Amino acid sequence: MTTDFGRLRAAASLSCFLALVALAGCAQKEAATGTLRVGLITPGKISDKGWNASANDGLQRIKSELGATVSPPVEGPAPTEVEGALRNVAQQGEDLIFLHASEFDDAAKNVAPSFPKTTFVVVGGRSVGPNLTPIRFAAGQATYLAGMLAGGMTKTGMVGCIGAAKIPIVEESFQSFKKGAKFVRPDVKVLVAWTGDESDPGKAKQQAQAFLQQGADVLIHNANAGGQGVAQAVSEKPGALFIGANADQSDLATDQNLGSFIVDAPNAYIAVAKTVKEGKGTGQPYASGLKEKAVGFKFNDRFKGTIPAGLKAKMAQAEKDLIAGAIDPKG
């Protein structure tokens, strides 16, 4: 099926990212003539098995495939420390620095002019400059499909979304999830809550348990390390179901895991790094979604239950409609 994202993403998404990075010409020429130096700042721990882990996966691919020198990631700086941390990384002489969160956009905008030979790439960012560009994943297309699955699988008519920081990019993904769920089941009730801490699985587990007690039986998260707590709560509740976030999380609550919505950050990272190393760039931000195989949904092959064939068929058709623009996941 087209929604089985894992088999399709790698080959198709690389070429579409090669037009990605906006960058000063002198910086590109220098990167192209020597060993590429790459840094990374993440909003949380790279051990989260999700969003932050995917950033580190991308960094390690750059190291292994391009022979780059990569700095240890700066993990989870406090909001007031992000700009200082970014300046410290840039002062090491990096050619390319990834900031793996939309909330890092202001810091990158403030710091980038001081380091014209460094390319700053903000995942989910808004700002564009001579050496500053965002990657804009259409994650809502993937969460719309996840919502359809939740709406089709719930028995109680109630599902839940658990986030960490209440930021626009995650709010939008949950809105798309809600829209997908209501497409399949118009009377479904969608609960949403925020823990405020992406590094604390305990808080996320408590919130998940509260939702399960209220009657929700399908839970999705976008809480980074907190997702492990959501999965634990689901595992302890017979009949409850889990949907993973940002990466293949089939190893969490495996028997009760329907699948994961995926954002292919590693493939984007390697493509951006290759663009910088080769001294190319168009000066434009890049938006990428289902069409480019940069986001998608992957079913969990080890799920112990059964997903109706009719529901999978609806999701497959919805994916085609999303690509064609016949469905607006945000509307």
C-alpha atoms as a PDB file:
ATOM      1  CA  MET A   1       0.000   0.000   0.000  1.00  0.00           C
ATOM      2  CA  THR A   2       1.104   3.551  -0.595  1.00  0.00           C
ATOM      3  CA  THR A   3       0.642   4.323   3.086  1.00  0.00           C
ATOM      4  CA  ASP A   4       3.385   1.821   4.014  1.00  0.00           C
ATOM      5  CA  PHE A   5       5.903   4.634   4.089  1.00  0.00           C
ATOM      6  CA  GLY A   6       8.930   2.613   5.112  1.00  0.00           C
ATOM      7  CA  ARG A   7       9.387   0.928   1.718  1.00  0.00           C
ATOM      8  CA  LEU A   8       9.080   4.084  -0.344  1.00  0.00           C
ATOM      9  CA  ARG A   9      10.704   7.041   1.293  1.00  0.00           C
ATOM     10  CA  ALA A  10      14.466   6.771   0.754  1.00  0.00           C
ATOM     11  CA  ALA A  11      14.784   6.674  -3.024  1.00  0.00           C
ATOM     12  CA  ALA A  12      12.128   9.216  -3.858  1.00  0.00           C
ATOM     13  CA  SER A  13      12.872  11.901  -1.317  1.00  0.00           C
ATOM     14  CA  LEU A  14      16.571  12.553  -1.900  1.00  0.00           C
ATOM     15  CA  SER A  15      16.301  14.252  -5.278  1.00  0.00           C
ATOM     16  CA  CYS A  16      13.515  16.572  -4.187  1.00  0.00           C
ATOM     17  CA  PHE A  17      15.611  17.921  -1.331  1.00  0.00           C
ATOM     18  CA  LEU A  18      18.556  18.913  -3.514  1.00  0.00           C
ATOM     19  CA  ALA A  19      17.025  22.311  -4.186  1.00  0.00           C
ATOM     20  CA  LEU A  20      16.831  23.098  -0.513  1.00  0.00           C
ATOM     21  CA  VAL A  21      19.501  25.215   1.064  1.00  0.00           C
ATOM     22  CA  ALA A  22      19.838  28.994   0.784  1.00  0.00           C
ATOM     23  CA  LEU A  23      23.435  29.914   1.391  1.00  0.00           C
ATOM     24  CA  ALA A  24      26.111  32.539   0.766  1.00  0.00           C
ATOM     25  CA  GLY A  25      28.263  31.649  -2.217  1.00  0.00           C
ATOM     26  CA  CYS A  26      31.582  32.033  -0.400  1.00  0.00           C
ATOM     27  CA  ALA A  27      30.463  29.686   2.376  1.00  0.00           C
ATOM     28  CA  GLN A  28      29.420  27.065  -0.160  1.00  0.00           C
ATOM     29  CA  LYS A  29      32.741  27.244  -1.971  1.00  0.00           C
ATOM     30  CA  GLU A  30      34.671  26.763   1.245  1.00  0.00           C
ATOM     31  CA  ALA A  31      32.505  23.806   2.291  1.00  0.00           C
ATOM     32  CA  ALA A  32      32.941  22.255  -1.130  1.00  0.00           C
ATOM     33  CA  THR A  33      36.757  22.327  -0.965  1.00  0.00           C
ATOM     34  CA  GLY A  34      37.305  20.739   2.447  1.00  0.00           C
ATOM     35  CA  THR A  35      35.835  18.404   5.037  1.00  0.00           C
ATOM     36  CA  LEU A  36      32.311  19.437   5.882  1.00  0.00           C
ATOM     37  CA  ARG A  37      31.819  20.409   9.522  1.00  0.00           C
ATOM     38  CA  VAL A  38      28.296  19.935  10.866  1.00  0.00           C
ATOM     39  CA  GLY A  39      26.582  20.805  14.151  1.00  0.00           C
ATOM     40  CA  LEU A  40      23.145  20.044  15.593  1.00  0.00           C
ATOM     41  CA  ILE A  41      20.903  21.470  18.309  1.00  0.00           C
ATOM     42  CA  THR A  42      17.837  19.468  19.355  1.00  0.00           C
ATOM     43  CA  PRO A  43      14.959  20.438  21.660  1.00  0.00           C
ATOM     44  CA  GLY A  44      15.330  17.247  23.680  1.00  0.00           C
ATOM     45  CA  LYS A  45      17.410  14.132  24.233  1.00  0.00           C
ATOM     46  CA  ILE A  46      18.501  12.123  21.187  1.00  0.00           C
ATOM     47  CA  SER A  47      17.585   8.981  23.160  1.00  0.00           C
ATOM     48  CA  ASP A  48      13.850   9.698  22.736  1.00  0.00           C
ATOM     49  CA  LYS A  49      13.405   7.092  19.936  1.00  0.00           C
ATOM     50  CA  GLY A  50      11.498   9.705  17.944  1.00  0.00           C
ATOM     51  CA  TRP A  51      11.931  13.301  16.816  1.00  0.00           C
ATOM     52  CA  ASN A  52      15.305  14.051  18.384  1.00  0.00           C
ATOM     53  CA  ALA A  53      16.657  10.599  17.606  1.00  0.00           C
ATOM     54  CA  SER A  54      15.813  11.158  13.943  1.00  0.00           C
ATOM     55  CA  ALA A  55      17.941  14.321  13.941  1.00  0.00           C
ATOM     56  CA  ASN A  56      20.913  12.414  15.314  1.00  0.00           C
ATOM     57  CA  ASP A  57      20.311   9.676  12.756  1.00  0.00           C
ATOM     58  CA  GLY A  58      20.595  12.332  10.058  1.00  0.00           C
ATOM     59  CA  LEU A  59      23.799  13.685  11.593  1.00  0.00           C
ATOM     60  CA  GLN A  60      25.360  10.226  11.690  1.00  0.00           C
ATOM     61  CA  ARG A  61      24.388   9.607   8.062  1.00  0.00           C
ATOM     62  CA  ILE A  62      26.147  12.825   7.084  1.00  0.00           C
ATOM     63  CA  LYS A  63      29.238  11.608   8.919  1.00  0.00           C
ATOM     64  CA  SER A  64      29.251   8.145   7.357  1.00  0.00           C
ATOM     65  CA  GLU A  65      28.131   8.996   3.821  1.00  0.00           C
ATOM     66  CA  LEU A  66      29.907  12.316   3.266  1.00  0.00           C
ATOM     67  CA  GLY A  67      32.916  11.901   5.519  1.00  0.00           C
ATOM     68  CA  ALA A  68      31.910  14.968   7.484  1.00  0.00           C
ATOM     69  CA  THR A  69      33.191  15.989  10.880  1.00  0.00           C
ATOM     70  CA  VAL A  70      30.201  16.227  13.213  1.00  0.00           C
ATOM     71  CA  SER A  71      30.079  17.829  16.637  1.00  0.00           C
ATOM     72  CA  PRO A  72      28.260  16.180  19.554  1.00  0.00           C
ATOM     73  CA  PRO A  73      24.635  17.358  19.483  1.00  0.00           C
ATOM     74  CA  VAL A  74      23.556  20.053  21.908  1.00  0.00           C
ATOM     75  CA  GLU A  75      20.526  18.403  23.506  1.00  0.00           C
ATOM     76  CA  GLY A  76      17.597  20.281  25.023  1.00  0.00           C
ATOM     77  CA  PRO A  77      18.987  23.710  25.893  1.00  0.00           C
ATOM     78  CA  ALA A  78      16.665  25.887  27.960  1.00  0.00           C
ATOM     79  CA  PRO A  79      14.785  28.488  25.889  1.00  0.00           C
ATOM     80  CA  THR A  80      16.935  31.278  27.309  1.00  0.00           C
ATOM     81  CA  GLU A  81      20.105  29.372  26.446  1.00  0.00           C
ATOM     82  CA  VAL A  82      19.417  28.494  22.806  1.00  0.00           C
ATOM     83  CA  GLU A  83      20.961  31.596  21.263  1.00  0.00           C
ATOM     84  CA  GLY A  84      24.103  31.304  23.371  1.00  0.00           C
ATOM     85  CA  ALA A  85      24.415  27.597  22.594  1.00  0.00           C
ATOM     86  CA  LEU A  86      24.039  28.301  18.893  1.00  0.00           C
ATOM     87  CA  ARG A  87      26.751  30.958  18.975  1.00  0.00           C
ATOM     88  CA  ASN A  88      29.064  28.512  20.737  1.00  0.00           C
ATOM     89  CA  VAL A  89      28.488  25.879  18.051  1.00  0.00           C
ATOM     90  CA  ALA A  90      28.965  28.394  15.231  1.00  0.00           C
ATOM     91  CA  GLN A  91      32.208  29.646  16.761  1.00  0.00           C
ATOM     92  CA  GLN A  92      33.656  26.156  16.342  1.00  0.00           C
ATOM     93  CA  GLY A  93      33.811  26.866  12.615  1.00  0.00           C
ATOM     94  CA  GLU A  94      30.902  24.678  11.463  1.00  0.00           C
ATOM     95  CA  ASP A  95      29.887  24.891   7.799  1.00  0.00           C
ATOM     96  CA  LEU A  96      26.355  23.724   8.520  1.00  0.00           C
ATOM     97  CA  ILE A  97      24.219  23.753  11.670  1.00  0.00           C
ATOM     98  CA  PHE A  98      20.816  22.089  11.954  1.00  0.00           C
ATOM     99  CA  LEU A  99      18.326  23.408  14.510  1.00  0.00           C
ATOM    100  CA  HIS A 100      15.771  20.673  14.964  1.00  0.00           C
ATOM    101  CA  ALA A 101      12.779  22.683  16.175  1.00  0.00           C
ATOM    102  CA  SER A 102      10.604  25.504  14.906  1.00  0.00           C
ATOM    103  CA  GLU A 103      10.982  27.288  18.252  1.00  0.00           C
ATOM    104  CA  PHE A 104      14.676  27.807  17.424  1.00  0.00           C
ATOM    105  CA  ASP A 105      13.820  30.094  14.521  1.00  0.00           C
ATOM    106  CA  ASP A 106      14.344  33.396  16.357  1.00  0.00           C
ATOM    107  CA  ALA A 107      17.721  32.320  17.708  1.00  0.00           C
ATOM    108  CA  ALA A 108      18.896  31.319  14.240  1.00  0.00           C
ATOM    109  CA  LYS A 109      17.641  34.590  12.780  1.00  0.00           C
ATOM    110  CA  ASN A 110      19.594  36.539  15.394  1.00  0.00           C
ATOM    111  CA  VAL A 111      22.813  34.539  15.124  1.00  0.00           C
ATOM    112  CA  ALA A 112      23.096  33.799  11.386  1.00  0.00           C
ATOM    113  CA  PRO A 113      24.201  37.312  10.283  1.00  0.00           C
ATOM    114  CA  SER A 114      27.242  37.071  12.575  1.00  0.00           C
ATOM    115  CA  PHE A 115      28.467  33.882  10.861  1.00  0.00           C
ATOM    116  CA  PRO A 116      28.058  34.396   7.091  1.00  0.00           C
ATOM    117  CA  LYS A 117      30.222  31.365   6.286  1.00  0.00           C
ATOM    118  CA  THR A 118      27.896  29.020   8.179  1.00  0.00           C
ATOM    119  CA  THR A 119      24.583  27.714   6.842  1.00  0.00           C
ATOM    120  CA  PHE A 120      21.793  27.557   9.430  1.00  0.00           C
ATOM    121  CA  VAL A 121      18.865  25.209   8.735  1.00  0.00           C
ATOM    122  CA  VAL A 122      15.810  25.342  10.988  1.00  0.00           C
ATOM    123  CA  VAL A 123      13.391  22.415  10.792  1.00  0.00           C
ATOM    124  CA  GLY A 124       9.918  23.931  10.785  1.00  0.00           C
ATOM    125  CA  GLY A 125      11.355  27.444  10.664  1.00  0.00           C
ATOM    126  CA  ARG A 126       9.863  30.592   9.170  1.00  0.00           C
ATOM    127  CA  SER A 127      12.805  32.901   8.498  1.00  0.00           C
ATOM    128  CA  VAL A 128      14.903  33.033   5.340  1.00  0.00           C
ATOM    129  CA  GLY A 129      18.227  34.803   4.875  1.00  0.00           C
ATOM    130  CA  PRO A 130      21.433  34.604   2.822  1.00  0.00           C
ATOM    131  CA  ASN A 131      22.661  31.740   5.029  1.00  0.00           C
ATOM    132  CA  LEU A 132      19.398  30.791   6.780  1.00  0.00           C
ATOM    133  CA  THR A 133      16.732  28.494   5.385  1.00  0.00           C
ATOM    134  CA  PRO A 134      13.876  26.383   6.788  1.00  0.00           C
ATOM    135  CA  ILE A 135      12.798  22.836   6.075  1.00  0.00           C
ATOM    136  CA  ARG A 136       9.011  22.772   6.161  1.00  0.00           C
ATOM    137  CA  PHE A 137       7.624  19.263   6.402  1.00  0.00           C
ATOM    138  CA  ALA A 138       3.927  18.843   5.664  1.00  0.00           C
ATOM    139  CA  ALA A 139       3.524  16.644   8.728  1.00  0.00           C
ATOM    140  CA  GLY A 140      -0.205  17.335   8.832  1.00  0.00           C
ATOM    141  CA  GLN A 141      -0.670  15.129   5.789  1.00  0.00           C
ATOM    142  CA  ALA A 142       0.743  12.202   7.755  1.00  0.00           C
ATOM    143  CA  THR A 143      -1.196  12.953  10.939  1.00  0.00           C
ATOM    144  CA  TYR A 144      -4.401  13.218   8.892  1.00  0.00           C
ATOM    145  CA  LEU A 145      -3.855   9.582   7.871  1.00  0.00           C
ATOM    146  CA  ALA A 146      -3.093   8.669  11.483  1.00  0.00           C
ATOM    147  CA  GLY A 147      -6.344  10.340  12.495  1.00  0.00           C
ATOM    148  CA  MET A 148      -8.270   8.299   9.953  1.00  0.00           C
ATOM    149  CA  LEU A 149      -6.796   5.158  11.450  1.00  0.00           C
ATOM    150  CA  ALA A 150      -7.665   6.229  14.987  1.00  0.00           C
ATOM    151  CA  GLY A 151     -11.189   7.168  13.973  1.00  0.00           C
ATOM    152  CA  GLY A 152     -11.663   3.816  12.299  1.00  0.00           C
ATOM    153  CA  MET A 153     -10.223   1.754  15.150  1.00  0.00           C
ATOM    154  CA  THR A 154     -11.731   3.379  18.238  1.00  0.00           C
ATOM    155  CA  LYS A 155     -14.482   1.396  19.924  1.00  0.00           C
ATOM    156  CA  THR A 156     -15.395   4.019  22.486  1.00  0.00           C
ATOM    157  CA  GLY A 157     -15.603   6.932  20.041  1.00  0.00           C
ATOM    158  CA  MET A 158     -12.931   8.832  21.971  1.00  0.00           C
ATOM    159  CA  VAL A 159      -9.251   9.264  21.062  1.00  0.00           C
ATOM    160  CA  GLY A 160      -6.450  11.362  22.539  1.00  0.00           C
ATOM    161  CA  CYS A 161      -3.469  13.502  21.486  1.00  0.00           C
ATOM    162  CA  ILE A 162      -0.640  14.205  23.928  1.00  0.00           C
ATOM    163  CA  GLY A 163       1.951  16.870  23.150  1.00  0.00           C
ATOM    164  CA  ALA A 164       4.865  18.386  25.031  1.00  0.00           C
ATOM    165  CA  ALA A 165       5.368  22.057  24.165  1.00  0.00           C
ATOM    166  CA  LYS A 166       2.272  23.803  22.839  1.00  0.00           C
ATOM    167  CA  ILE A 167       3.794  25.169  19.644  1.00  0.00           C
ATOM    168  CA  PRO A 168       2.036  25.932  16.327  1.00  0.00           C
ATOM    169  CA  ILE A 169       3.616  23.127  14.322  1.00  0.00           C
ATOM    170  CA  VAL A 170       2.399  20.474  16.803  1.00  0.00           C
ATOM    171  CA  GLU A 171      -0.998  22.126  17.271  1.00  0.00           C
ATOM    172  CA  GLU A 172      -1.464  22.008  13.507  1.00  0.00           C
ATOM    173  CA  SER A 173      -0.511  18.334  13.393  1.00  0.00           C
ATOM    174  CA  PHE A 174      -3.149  17.531  16.017  1.00  0.00           C
ATOM    175  CA  GLN A 175      -5.766  19.558  14.119  1.00  0.00           C
ATOM    176  CA  SER A 176      -5.018  17.480  11.023  1.00  0.00           C
ATOM    177  CA  PHE A 177      -5.274  14.315  13.122  1.00  0.00           C
ATOM    178  CA  LYS A 178      -8.673  15.455  14.373  1.00  0.00           C
ATOM    179  CA  LYS A 179      -9.863  16.209  10.856  1.00  0.00           C
ATOM    180  CA  GLY A 180      -8.764  12.761   9.667  1.00  0.00           C
ATOM    181  CA  ALA A 181     -10.490  11.049  12.575  1.00  0.00           C
ATOM    182  CA  LYS A 182     -13.750  12.891  11.910  1.00  0.00           C
ATOM    183  CA  PHE A 183     -13.580  12.046   8.219  1.00  0.00           C
ATOM    184  CA  VAL A 184     -13.935   8.389   9.166  1.00  0.00           C
ATOM    185  CA  ARG A 185     -16.116   8.850  12.242  1.00  0.00           C
ATOM    186  CA  PRO A 186     -17.851  12.253  12.425  1.00  0.00           C
ATOM    187  CA  ASP A 187     -18.985  11.787  16.032  1.00  0.00           C
ATOM    188  CA  VAL A 188     -15.525  10.955  17.400  1.00  0.00           C
ATOM    189  CA  LYS A 189     -14.338  12.991  20.389  1.00  0.00           C
ATOM    190  CA  VAL A 190     -10.683  14.059  20.248  1.00  0.00           C
ATOM    191  CA  LEU A 191      -8.961  14.959  23.534  1.00  0.00           C
ATOM    192  CA  VAL A 192      -5.808  17.112  23.481  1.00  0.00           C
ATOM    193  CA  ALA A 193      -3.394  17.825  26.335  1.00  0.00           C
ATOM    194  CA  TRP A 194       0.104  19.249  26.806  1.00  0.00           C
ATOM    195  CA  THR A 195       2.657  18.097  29.360  1.00  0.00           C
ATOM    196  CA  GLY A 196       5.030  21.028  28.894  1.00  0.00           C
ATOM    197  CA  ASP A 197       8.025  18.690  29.165  1.00  0.00           C
ATOM    198  CA  GLU A 198       9.208  16.563  26.264  1.00  0.00           C
ATOM    199  CA  SER A 199      11.932  14.903  28.324  1.00  0.00           C
ATOM    200  CA  ASP A 200       9.681  13.437  31.045  1.00  0.00           C
ATOM    201  CA  PRO A 201       7.947  10.151  30.138  1.00  0.00           C
ATOM    202  CA  GLY A 202       6.338  10.121  33.587  1.00  0.00           C
ATOM    203  CA  LYS A 203       4.263  13.243  32.940  1.00  0.00           C
ATOM    204  CA  ALA A 204       3.156  11.910  29.575  1.00  0.00           C
ATOM    205  CA  LYS A 205       2.236   8.557  31.116  1.00  0.00           C
ATOM    206  CA  GLN A 206       0.087  10.264  33.746  1.00  0.00           C
ATOM    207  CA  GLN A 207      -1.728  12.253  31.069  1.00  0.00           C
ATOM    208  CA  ALA A 208      -2.217   9.136  28.973  1.00  0.00           C
ATOM    209  CA  GLN A 209      -3.653   7.288  31.961  1.00  0.00           C
ATOM    210  CA  ALA A 210      -6.053  10.189  32.556  1.00  0.00           C
ATOM    211  CA  PHE A 211      -7.276  10.010  28.958  1.00  0.00           C
ATOM    212  CA  LEU A 212      -7.688   6.236  29.162  1.00  0.00           C
ATOM    213  CA  GLN A 213      -9.703   6.613  32.356  1.00  0.00           C
ATOM    214  CA  GLN A 214     -11.964   9.111  30.570  1.00  0.00           C
ATOM    215  CA  GLY A 215     -12.690   6.502  27.919  1.00  0.00           C
ATOM    216  CA  ALA A 216     -10.185   7.204  25.158  1.00  0.00           C
ATOM    217  CA  ASP A 217      -8.913   3.980  23.616  1.00  0.00           C
ATOM    218  CA  VAL A 218      -6.539   5.230  20.885  1.00  0.00           C
ATOM    219  CA  LEU A 219      -3.681   7.583  21.804  1.00  0.00           C
ATOM    220  CA  ILE A 220      -1.197   9.425  19.617  1.00  0.00           C
ATOM    221  CA  HIS A 221       1.603  11.650  20.831  1.00  0.00           C
ATOM    222  CA  ASN A 222       3.963  14.316  19.608  1.00  0.00           C
ATOM    223  CA  ALA A 223       5.911  14.534  22.843  1.00  0.00           C
ATOM    224  CA  ASN A 224       9.351  13.210  21.902  1.00  0.00           C
ATOM    225  CA  ALA A 225      10.694  11.228  24.892  1.00  0.00           C
ATOM    226  CA  GLY A 226       7.270  11.613  26.502  1.00  0.00           C
ATOM    227  CA  GLY A 227       5.935   9.215  23.883  1.00  0.00           C
ATOM    228  CA  GLN A 228       7.576   6.366  25.774  1.00  0.00           C
ATOM    229  CA  GLY A 229       5.347   7.187  28.736  1.00  0.00           C
ATOM    230  CA  VAL A 230       2.250   7.214  26.539  1.00  0.00           C
ATOM    231  CA  ALA A 231       3.225   3.803  25.192  1.00  0.00           C
ATOM    232  CA  GLN A 232       3.699   2.451  28.723  1.00  0.00           C
ATOM    233  CA  ALA A 233       0.236   3.584  29.725  1.00  0.00           C
ATOM    234  CA  VAL A 234      -1.283   1.942  26.653  1.00  0.00           C
ATOM    235  CA  SER A 235       0.606  -1.299  27.301  1.00  0.00           C
ATOM    236  CA  GLU A 236      -0.908  -1.454  30.766  1.00  0.00           C
ATOM    237  CA  LYS A 237      -4.469  -0.969  29.488  1.00  0.00           C
ATOM    238  CA  PRO A 238      -6.019  -3.949  27.672  1.00  0.00           C
ATOM    239  CA  GLY A 239      -7.802  -2.865  24.520  1.00  0.00           C
ATOM    240  CA  ALA A 240      -6.002   0.478  24.274  1.00  0.00           C
ATOM    241  CA  LEU A 241      -4.103   1.339  21.086  1.00  0.00           C
ATOM    242  CA  PHE A 242      -1.020   3.441  20.394  1.00  0.00           C
ATOM    243  CA  ILE A 243       0.188   5.462  17.386  1.00  0.00           C
ATOM    244  CA  GLY A 244       3.839   6.523  17.222  1.00  0.00           C
ATOM    245  CA  ALA A 245       5.220   9.857  16.110  1.00  0.00           C
ATOM    246  CA  ASN A 246       7.890  11.192  13.755  1.00  0.00           C
ATOM    247  CA  ALA A 247       9.789   7.897  13.367  1.00  0.00           C
ATOM    248  CA  ASP A 248       8.978   4.203  13.219  1.00  0.00           C
ATOM    249  CA  GLN A 249       8.104   3.505  16.852  1.00  0.00           C
ATOM    250  CA  SER A 250       6.917  -0.068  16.409  1.00  0.00           C
ATOM    251  CA  ASP A 251       9.107  -1.098  19.340  1.00  0.00           C
ATOM    252  CA  LEU A 252       6.864   0.866  21.719  1.00  0.00           C
ATOM    253  CA  ALA A 253       3.701  -0.892  22.979  1.00  0.00           C
ATOM    254  CA  THR A 254       4.333  -3.221  20.057  1.00  0.00           C
ATOM    255  CA  ASP A 255       1.349  -5.558  20.405  1.00  0.00           C
ATOM    256  CA  GLN A 256      -1.029  -2.583  20.719  1.00  0.00           C
ATOM    257  CA  ASN A 257       0.784  -0.338  18.264  1.00  0.00           C
ATOM    258  CA  LEU A 258      -1.151   0.477  15.074  1.00  0.00           C
ATOM    259  CA  GLY A 259       1.765   2.222  13.382  1.00  0.00           C
ATOM    260  CA  SER A 260       3.550   5.560  13.240  1.00  0.00           C
ATOM    261  CA  PHE A 261       3.352   8.789  11.313  1.00  0.00           C
ATOM    262  CA  ILE A 262       6.836   9.523  10.021  1.00  0.00           C
ATOM    263  CA  VAL A 263       8.807  12.629   9.170  1.00  0.00           C
ATOM    264  CA  ASP A 264      11.930  11.647   7.257  1.00  0.00           C
ATOM    265  CA  ALA A 265      14.391  14.076   8.812  1.00  0.00           C
ATOM    266  CA  PRO A 266      17.485  11.908   8.173  1.00  0.00           C
ATOM    267  CA  ASN A 267      16.947  11.885   4.412  1.00  0.00           C
ATOM    268  CA  ALA A 268      16.422  15.644   4.435  1.00  0.00           C
ATOM    269  CA  TYR A 269      19.593  16.147   6.461  1.00  0.00           C
ATOM    270  CA  ILE A 270      21.795  14.134   4.133  1.00  0.00           C
ATOM    271  CA  ALA A 271      20.393  15.929   1.102  1.00  0.00           C
ATOM    272  CA  VAL A 272      20.955  19.370   2.633  1.00  0.00           C
ATOM    273  CA  ALA A 273      24.499  18.457   3.620  1.00  0.00           C
ATOM    274  CA  LYS A 274      25.230  17.182   0.124  1.00  0.00           C
ATOM    275  CA  THR A 275      23.912  20.448  -1.300  1.00  0.00           C
ATOM    276  CA  VAL A 276      26.189  22.474   0.971  1.00  0.00           C
ATOM    277  CA  LYS A 277      29.201  20.268   0.254  1.00  0.00           C
ATOM    278  CA  GLU A 278      28.659  20.620  -3.501  1.00  0.00           C
ATOM    279  CA  GLY A 279      28.259  24.388  -3.266  1.00  0.00           C
ATOM    280  CA  LYS A 280      24.718  24.500  -4.632  1.00  0.00           C
ATOM    281  CA  GLY A 281      21.520  26.172  -3.466  1.00  0.00           C
ATOM    282  CA  THR A 282      18.483  28.025  -4.748  1.00  0.00           C
ATOM    283  CA  GLY A 283      17.907  30.519  -1.956  1.00  0.00           C
ATOM    284  CA  GLN A 284      14.423  29.179  -1.203  1.00  0.00           C
ATOM    285  CA  PRO A 285      12.860  27.281   1.708  1.00  0.00           C
ATOM    286  CA  TYR A 286      11.650  23.803   0.987  1.00  0.00           C
ATOM    287  CA  ALA A 287       8.258  22.302   1.772  1.00  0.00           C
ATOM    288  CA  SER A 288       7.909  18.543   1.496  1.00  0.00           C
ATOM    289  CA  GLY A 289       5.130  16.088   2.121  1.00  0.00           C
ATOM    290  CA  LEU A 290       3.549  12.875   0.915  1.00  0.00           C
ATOM    291  CA  LYS A 291       4.293  13.551  -2.729  1.00  0.00           C
ATOM    292  CA  GLU A 292       8.010  13.677  -2.042  1.00  0.00           C
ATOM    293  CA  LYS A 293       7.869  10.688   0.332  1.00  0.00           C
ATOM    294  CA  ALA A 294       9.232  12.999   3.035  1.00  0.00           C
ATOM    295  CA  VAL A 295       6.323  12.272   5.383  1.00  0.00           C
ATOM    296  CA  GLY A 296       4.002   9.307   5.556  1.00  0.00           C
ATOM    297  CA  PHE A 297       2.383   6.620   7.637  1.00  0.00           C
ATOM    298  CA  LYS A 298       3.850   3.189   8.350  1.00  0.00           C
ATOM    299  CA  PHE A 299       1.693   0.391   9.680  1.00  0.00           C
ATOM    300  CA  ASN A 300       3.154  -1.774  12.434  1.00  0.00           C
ATOM    301  CA  ASP A 301       3.615  -5.284  11.049  1.00  0.00           C
ATOM    302  CA  ARG A 302       3.750  -6.680  14.595  1.00  0.00           C
ATOM    303  CA  PHE A 303       0.388  -5.306  15.732  1.00  0.00           C
ATOM    304  CA  LYS A 304      -1.541  -8.181  17.308  1.00  0.00           C
ATOM    305  CA  GLY A 305      -4.953  -6.949  16.245  1.00  0.00           C
ATOM    306  CA  THR A 306      -6.564  -6.535  12.840  1.00  0.00           C
ATOM    307  CA  ILE A 307      -6.992  -3.356  10.850  1.00  0.00           C
ATOM    308  CA  PRO A 308      -9.957  -3.723   8.480  1.00  0.00           C
ATOM    309  CA  ALA A 309      -9.012  -3.851   4.818  1.00  0.00           C
ATOM    310  CA  GLY A 310     -11.705  -1.291   4.086  1.00  0.00           C
ATOM    311  CA  LEU A 311     -10.101   1.211   6.447  1.00  0.00           C
ATOM    312  CA  LYS A 312      -6.693   0.701   4.859  1.00  0.00           C
ATOM    313  CA  ALA A 313      -8.279   1.252   1.461  1.00  0.00           C
ATOM    314  CA  LYS A 314      -9.809   4.540   2.648  1.00  0.00           C
ATOM    315  CA  MET A 315      -6.406   5.665   3.904  1.00  0.00           C
ATOM    316  CA  ALA A 316      -4.748   4.753   0.620  1.00  0.00           C
ATOM    317  CA  GLN A 317      -7.327   6.789  -1.310  1.00  0.00           C
ATOM    318  CA  ALA A 318      -6.964   9.684   1.106  1.00  0.00           C
ATOM    319  CA  GLU A 319      -3.216   9.675   0.531  1.00  0.00           C
ATOM    320  CA  LYS A 320      -3.809  10.054  -3.204  1.00  0.00           C
ATOM    321  CA  ASP A 321      -6.289  12.855  -2.537  1.00  0.00           C
ATOM    322  CA  LEU A 322      -3.869  14.626  -0.214  1.00  0.00           C
ATOM    323  CA  ILE A 323      -1.140  14.492  -2.847  1.00  0.00           C
ATOM    324  CA  ALA A 324      -3.534  15.765  -5.490  1.00  0.00           C
ATOM    325  CA  GLY A 325      -4.686  18.608  -3.255  1.00  0.00           C
ATOM    326  CA  ALA A 326      -8.244  17.302  -3.075  1.00  0.00           C
ATOM    327  CA  ILE A 327      -7.986  17.167   0.739  1.00  0.00           C
ATOM    328  CA  ASP A 328      -6.666  20.038   2.807  1.00  0.00           C
ATOM    329  CA  PRO A 329      -5.507  18.578   6.140  1.00  0.00           C
ATOM    330  CA  LYS A 330      -5.477  22.036   7.689  1.00  0.00           C
ATOM    331  CA  GLY A 331      -8.916  23.171   6.556  1.00  0.00           C
END
